[in-house]
Amino acid sequence: NVFPNPVKKDFSGDIVVSGLKNNTNVKITDVAGNIVFETYSLGGTATWNGKNFDGRNVSTGVYLFLCIDDTFNKSVVKKVLIYN
């Protein structure tokens, strides 16, 4: 699960992906495939503050969470819409 979804302009907090295995690699990309952030889940949950590697808010659009567990046995893709 990804929440909140959609992420509205006035939202302040983290975007959360839950239901993952511990230490799952999560790459966040725009729809063009550009990686804007990367993190790992901790205890089955990964968080993202909606900012890119440079610390700036990402643009309005759809973002993909590419989640791959640490043994490369399972993967999942989730989407989130961000209004900025």
N, C-alpha and C. Protein backbone atom coordinates (compact mmCIF):
# COMPACT_ATOMS: atom_id res chain seq x y z
N ASN A 1 0.83 -1.19 0.00
CA ASN A 1 0.00 0.00 0.00
C ASN A 1 0.87 1.25 0.00
N VAL A 2 0.42 2.27 -0.71
CA VAL A 2 1.08 3.57 -0.71
C VAL A 2 0.08 4.59 -0.19
N PHE A 3 0.48 5.36 0.78
CA PHE A 3 -0.41 6.40 1.27
C PHE A 3 0.40 7.59 1.77
N PRO A 4 -0.12 8.81 1.66
CA PRO A 4 -1.39 9.11 1.01
C PRO A 4 -1.25 8.99 -0.51
N ASN A 5 -2.34 8.82 -1.16
CA ASN A 5 -2.35 8.73 -2.61
C ASN A 5 -3.73 9.13 -3.11
N PRO A 6 -3.86 10.28 -3.75
CA PRO A 6 -2.81 11.20 -4.20
C PRO A 6 -2.25 12.05 -3.06
N VAL A 7 -1.08 12.62 -3.33
CA VAL A 7 -0.43 13.51 -2.37
C VAL A 7 -0.76 14.94 -2.81
N LYS A 8 -1.51 15.65 -1.98
CA LYS A 8 -1.94 17.00 -2.33
C LYS A 8 -0.87 18.03 -1.97
N LYS A 9 -0.97 19.19 -2.60
CA LYS A 9 0.03 20.24 -2.47
C LYS A 9 0.30 20.65 -1.02
N ASP A 10 -0.72 20.69 -0.19
CA ASP A 10 -0.54 21.15 1.18
C ASP A 10 -0.11 20.04 2.15
N PHE A 11 0.16 18.83 1.64
CA PHE A 11 0.56 17.72 2.50
C PHE A 11 1.98 17.95 3.02
N SER A 12 2.15 17.76 4.32
CA SER A 12 3.50 17.83 4.89
C SER A 12 3.71 16.56 5.71
N GLY A 13 4.60 15.76 5.26
CA GLY A 13 4.88 14.49 5.93
C GLY A 13 5.52 13.54 4.94
N ASP A 14 5.61 12.30 5.32
CA ASP A 14 6.23 11.30 4.47
C ASP A 14 5.18 10.51 3.71
N ILE A 15 5.56 10.09 2.52
CA ILE A 15 4.78 9.15 1.73
C ILE A 15 5.27 7.77 2.15
N VAL A 16 4.34 6.88 2.45
CA VAL A 16 4.70 5.60 3.06
C VAL A 16 4.29 4.45 2.14
N VAL A 17 5.21 3.50 1.96
CA VAL A 17 4.92 2.23 1.28
C VAL A 17 5.01 1.16 2.34
N SER A 18 3.92 0.44 2.55
CA SER A 18 3.90 -0.59 3.59
C SER A 18 3.66 -1.96 2.98
N GLY A 19 3.84 -2.99 3.79
CA GLY A 19 3.63 -4.36 3.34
C GLY A 19 4.82 -4.96 2.63
N LEU A 20 5.98 -4.38 2.82
CA LEU A 20 7.20 -4.88 2.19
C LEU A 20 7.96 -5.78 3.15
N LYS A 21 8.86 -6.58 2.61
CA LYS A 21 9.79 -7.31 3.47
C LYS A 21 10.83 -6.33 3.99
N ASN A 22 11.43 -6.64 5.11
CA ASN A 22 12.50 -5.82 5.64
C ASN A 22 13.65 -5.75 4.64
N ASN A 23 14.28 -4.59 4.54
CA ASN A 23 15.43 -4.36 3.68
C ASN A 23 15.11 -4.48 2.19
N THR A 24 13.88 -4.17 1.80
CA THR A 24 13.51 -4.13 0.39
C THR A 24 14.05 -2.85 -0.23
N ASN A 25 14.69 -2.97 -1.39
CA ASN A 25 15.19 -1.81 -2.12
C ASN A 25 14.02 -1.14 -2.82
N VAL A 26 13.88 0.17 -2.62
CA VAL A 26 12.79 0.93 -3.24
C VAL A 26 13.40 2.06 -4.06
N LYS A 27 13.23 1.95 -5.38
CA LYS A 27 13.66 3.01 -6.28
C LYS A 27 12.42 3.78 -6.69
N ILE A 28 12.48 5.10 -6.60
CA ILE A 28 11.34 5.95 -6.96
C ILE A 28 11.72 6.67 -8.25
N THR A 29 10.86 6.49 -9.26
CA THR A 29 11.14 7.08 -10.57
C THR A 29 9.96 7.90 -11.05
N ASP A 30 10.24 8.82 -11.98
CA ASP A 30 9.14 9.47 -12.68
C ASP A 30 8.70 8.54 -13.80
N VAL A 31 7.66 8.91 -14.54
CA VAL A 31 7.15 8.00 -15.56
C VAL A 31 8.11 7.83 -16.74
N ALA A 32 9.08 8.74 -16.86
CA ALA A 32 10.09 8.60 -17.91
C ALA A 32 11.20 7.63 -17.51
N GLY A 33 11.18 7.16 -16.26
CA GLY A 33 12.18 6.21 -15.79
C GLY A 33 13.37 6.83 -15.09
N ASN A 34 13.35 8.13 -14.86
CA ASN A 34 14.44 8.80 -14.15
C ASN A 34 14.31 8.55 -12.65
N ILE A 35 15.37 8.04 -12.05
CA ILE A 35 15.35 7.79 -10.60
C ILE A 35 15.45 9.12 -9.88
N VAL A 36 14.46 9.40 -9.02
CA VAL A 36 14.47 10.64 -8.25
C VAL A 36 14.89 10.41 -6.81
N PHE A 37 14.75 9.16 -6.33
CA PHE A 37 15.16 8.85 -4.96
C PHE A 37 15.29 7.33 -4.82
N GLU A 38 16.07 6.91 -3.84
CA GLU A 38 16.22 5.49 -3.55
C GLU A 38 16.34 5.31 -2.05
N THR A 39 15.71 4.25 -1.53
CA THR A 39 15.75 3.98 -0.10
C THR A 39 15.56 2.49 0.14
N TYR A 40 15.60 2.07 1.38
CA TYR A 40 15.36 0.68 1.77
C TYR A 40 14.28 0.66 2.84
N SER A 41 13.49 -0.40 2.83
CA SER A 41 12.44 -0.53 3.85
C SER A 41 13.07 -0.93 5.18
N LEU A 42 12.42 -0.51 6.22
CA LEU A 42 12.84 -0.85 7.58
C LEU A 42 11.62 -1.44 8.26
N GLY A 43 11.70 -2.71 8.61
CA GLY A 43 10.56 -3.37 9.24
C GLY A 43 9.34 -3.48 8.34
N GLY A 44 9.55 -3.51 7.04
CA GLY A 44 8.45 -3.68 6.09
C GLY A 44 7.83 -2.39 5.60
N THR A 45 8.39 -1.23 6.01
CA THR A 45 7.86 0.05 5.60
C THR A 45 8.98 0.93 5.07
N ALA A 46 8.73 1.58 3.93
CA ALA A 46 9.67 2.55 3.38
C ALA A 46 9.00 3.91 3.35
N THR A 47 9.76 4.95 3.64
CA THR A 47 9.20 6.30 3.63
C THR A 47 9.98 7.18 2.66
N TRP A 48 9.27 8.19 2.15
CA TRP A 48 9.87 9.16 1.23
C TRP A 48 9.25 10.51 1.52
N ASN A 49 10.07 11.53 1.58
CA ASN A 49 9.57 12.87 1.89
C ASN A 49 9.11 13.65 0.67
N GLY A 50 9.10 13.03 -0.50
CA GLY A 50 8.64 13.69 -1.72
C GLY A 50 9.69 14.59 -2.35
N LYS A 51 10.91 14.45 -1.91
CA LYS A 51 11.99 15.28 -2.45
C LYS A 51 12.95 14.41 -3.27
N ASN A 52 13.67 15.05 -4.20
CA ASN A 52 14.64 14.32 -5.02
C ASN A 52 15.98 14.25 -4.29
N PHE A 53 16.98 13.72 -4.98
CA PHE A 53 18.31 13.57 -4.37
C PHE A 53 18.91 14.92 -3.95
N ASP A 54 18.49 16.02 -4.62
CA ASP A 54 19.00 17.35 -4.30
C ASP A 54 18.24 18.03 -3.17
N GLY A 55 17.21 17.36 -2.63
CA GLY A 55 16.45 17.92 -1.54
C GLY A 55 15.32 18.85 -1.97
N ARG A 56 15.00 18.87 -3.26
CA ARG A 56 13.91 19.70 -3.77
C ARG A 56 12.65 18.87 -3.98
N ASN A 57 11.48 19.49 -3.78
CA ASN A 57 10.23 18.80 -4.04
C ASN A 57 10.17 18.37 -5.50
N VAL A 58 9.67 17.16 -5.73
CA VAL A 58 9.53 16.69 -7.11
C VAL A 58 8.37 17.43 -7.77
N SER A 59 8.35 17.43 -9.08
CA SER A 59 7.29 18.09 -9.85
C SER A 59 5.99 17.32 -9.74
N THR A 60 4.90 18.00 -10.07
CA THR A 60 3.61 17.33 -10.14
C THR A 60 3.68 16.21 -11.17
N GLY A 61 3.14 15.05 -10.83
CA GLY A 61 3.14 13.93 -11.76
C GLY A 61 2.95 12.60 -11.07
N VAL A 62 3.04 11.56 -11.87
CA VAL A 62 2.93 10.19 -11.37
C VAL A 62 4.34 9.66 -11.11
N TYR A 63 4.51 9.03 -9.96
CA TYR A 63 5.80 8.45 -9.60
C TYR A 63 5.62 6.97 -9.30
N LEU A 64 6.61 6.19 -9.69
CA LEU A 64 6.58 4.75 -9.52
C LEU A 64 7.53 4.33 -8.42
N PHE A 65 7.07 3.41 -7.59
CA PHE A 65 7.90 2.81 -6.55
C PHE A 65 8.26 1.41 -7.04
N LEU A 66 9.51 1.18 -7.37
CA LEU A 66 9.98 -0.12 -7.83
C LEU A 66 10.61 -0.81 -6.64
N CYS A 67 9.93 -1.82 -6.12
CA CYS A 67 10.32 -2.48 -4.87
C CYS A 67 10.82 -3.89 -5.16
N ILE A 68 12.07 -4.17 -4.75
CA ILE A 68 12.67 -5.49 -4.98
C ILE A 68 13.25 -5.98 -3.66
N ASP A 69 12.83 -7.19 -3.22
CA ASP A 69 13.32 -7.68 -1.92
C ASP A 69 14.81 -8.01 -1.99
N ASP A 70 15.40 -8.19 -0.82
CA ASP A 70 16.86 -8.36 -0.74
C ASP A 70 17.37 -9.67 -1.32
N THR A 71 16.49 -10.62 -1.62
CA THR A 71 16.92 -11.88 -2.25
C THR A 71 16.58 -11.90 -3.74
N PHE A 72 16.03 -10.82 -4.25
CA PHE A 72 15.64 -10.69 -5.66
C PHE A 72 14.59 -11.72 -6.08
N ASN A 73 13.82 -12.21 -5.13
CA ASN A 73 12.78 -13.19 -5.44
C ASN A 73 11.43 -12.57 -5.72
N LYS A 74 11.15 -11.41 -5.13
CA LYS A 74 9.85 -10.76 -5.30
C LYS A 74 10.05 -9.31 -5.64
N SER A 75 9.18 -8.82 -6.52
CA SER A 75 9.19 -7.40 -6.83
C SER A 75 7.76 -6.92 -7.02
N VAL A 76 7.58 -5.62 -6.82
CA VAL A 76 6.26 -5.02 -6.98
C VAL A 76 6.46 -3.58 -7.43
N VAL A 77 5.52 -3.07 -8.21
CA VAL A 77 5.55 -1.68 -8.63
C VAL A 77 4.26 -1.02 -8.13
N LYS A 78 4.41 0.11 -7.48
CA LYS A 78 3.28 0.90 -6.99
C LYS A 78 3.37 2.30 -7.59
N LYS A 79 2.22 2.96 -7.71
CA LYS A 79 2.16 4.31 -8.27
C LYS A 79 1.60 5.29 -7.25
N VAL A 80 2.06 6.53 -7.36
CA VAL A 80 1.51 7.60 -6.54
C VAL A 80 1.42 8.86 -7.41
N LEU A 81 0.36 9.63 -7.21
CA LEU A 81 0.19 10.90 -7.91
C LEU A 81 0.50 12.02 -6.94
N ILE A 82 1.39 12.93 -7.35
CA ILE A 82 1.80 14.03 -6.51
C ILE A 82 1.40 15.34 -7.18
N TYR A 83 0.69 16.20 -6.42
CA TYR A 83 0.34 17.55 -6.85
C TYR A 83 1.25 18.52 -6.14
N ASN A 84 2.08 19.25 -6.87
CA ASN A 84 2.94 20.29 -6.25
C ASN A 84 2.71 21.61 -6.93
